[in-house]
Amino acid sequence: MKLFIGNLPYIISESDLSLLCSGFGEVVSVKLVRDPFSGQPKGFAFVEMLNRSMGHKVMEGLNGKEYRHRELVCSEAKPQKKRGQNRR
């Protein structure tokens, strides 16, 4: 199950986020979204958990919880749209 995790502190690393989520189950992958020009984290990431059960545990455990003085947002990730799909 792929999750969206937002309102992350800008100093978090992919390994920090993986460690945070691994308390709820097996983490398959972590993708911290970064600004393409500066390389700085944008404050959100996508985390893939081994299965839906583990994904739901992460959502229950992290959504609305404070982490390093920020209230996290955690939900199921929406399917990625192809580039240019919103343009007319």
Protein backbone atom coordinates (compact mmCIF):
# COMPACT_ATOMS: atom_id res chain seq x y z
CA MET A 1 0.00 0.00 0.00
CA LYS A 2 1.37 3.39 -0.99
CA LEU A 3 0.92 6.29 1.46
CA PHE A 4 1.22 10.05 1.21
CA ILE A 5 2.82 11.64 4.29
CA GLY A 6 2.74 15.43 4.43
CA ASN A 7 3.72 18.34 6.66
CA LEU A 8 7.08 16.71 7.30
CA PRO A 9 9.89 18.75 8.85
CA TYR A 10 12.33 19.85 6.17
CA ILE A 11 15.26 18.27 8.02
CA ILE A 12 13.88 14.70 7.80
CA SER A 13 15.76 12.11 5.75
CA GLU A 14 14.45 9.04 3.95
CA SER A 15 16.08 6.84 6.58
CA ASP A 16 14.38 8.83 9.40
CA LEU A 17 11.01 8.38 7.70
CA SER A 18 11.62 4.69 7.05
CA LEU A 19 12.48 4.21 10.72
CA LEU A 20 9.35 6.12 11.79
CA CYS A 21 7.08 3.93 9.62
CA SER A 22 8.85 0.63 10.33
CA GLY A 23 7.33 0.64 13.81
CA PHE A 24 4.01 -0.21 12.12
CA GLY A 25 5.22 -2.86 9.68
CA GLU A 26 7.59 -3.59 6.82
CA VAL A 27 8.53 -0.60 4.68
CA VAL A 28 9.05 -1.43 1.00
CA SER A 29 10.19 2.00 -0.21
CA VAL A 30 10.43 5.66 0.79
CA LYS A 31 10.47 8.56 -1.69
CA LEU A 32 11.10 11.96 -0.12
CA VAL A 33 10.02 14.57 -2.67
CA ARG A 34 12.66 17.24 -3.29
CA ASP A 35 12.75 20.51 -5.19
CA PRO A 36 14.44 19.75 -8.53
CA PHE A 37 16.52 22.95 -8.46
CA SER A 38 17.64 23.28 -4.85
CA GLY A 39 17.47 19.62 -3.83
CA GLN A 40 15.72 20.63 -0.59
CA PRO A 41 12.87 18.44 0.68
CA LYS A 42 9.39 19.81 -0.10
CA GLY A 43 7.83 18.56 3.14
CA PHE A 44 6.07 15.47 1.85
CA ALA A 45 6.90 11.92 0.88
CA PHE A 46 5.50 8.66 -0.41
CA VAL A 47 5.99 5.49 1.61
CA GLU A 48 5.11 2.04 0.37
CA MET A 49 4.21 -0.55 2.98
CA LEU A 50 4.25 -4.32 2.40
CA ASN A 51 0.45 -4.65 2.55
CA ARG A 52 -2.79 -2.74 3.21
CA SER A 53 -2.97 -3.84 6.84
CA MET A 54 0.41 -2.28 7.59
CA GLY A 55 -0.53 0.80 5.58
CA HIS A 56 -3.66 1.32 7.68
CA LYS A 57 -1.59 0.97 10.86
CA VAL A 58 0.74 3.73 9.65
CA MET A 59 -2.23 5.99 8.83
CA GLU A 60 -3.78 5.39 12.25
CA GLY A 61 -0.46 5.88 14.00
CA LEU A 62 0.79 8.98 12.19
CA ASN A 63 -2.16 10.99 10.86
CA GLY A 64 -2.66 14.05 13.07
CA LYS A 65 0.27 13.13 15.30
CA GLU A 66 3.02 15.59 16.15
CA TYR A 67 6.53 14.81 14.93
CA ARG A 68 9.32 17.31 15.52
CA HIS A 69 6.79 20.09 16.21
CA ARG A 70 4.71 19.41 13.06
CA GLU A 71 1.31 17.75 12.80
CA LEU A 72 1.65 15.01 10.20
CA VAL A 73 -0.88 14.25 7.48
CA CYS A 74 -1.01 10.63 6.39
CA SER A 75 -3.38 9.11 3.85
CA GLU A 76 -3.50 6.59 1.06
CA ALA A 77 -1.68 7.95 -1.98
CA LYS A 78 -3.78 8.73 -5.02
CA PRO A 79 -2.73 7.21 -8.35
CA GLN A 80 -0.19 9.37 -10.17
CA LYS A 81 -1.57 11.22 -13.19
CA LYS A 82 0.41 11.20 -16.39
CA ARG A 83 2.15 14.45 -17.21
CA GLY A 84 0.03 16.84 -19.23
CA GLN A 85 -3.20 15.09 -18.31
CA ASN A 86 -4.65 18.26 -16.74
CA ARG A 87 -3.72 20.47 -19.70
CA ARG A 88 -6.11 21.21 -22.53
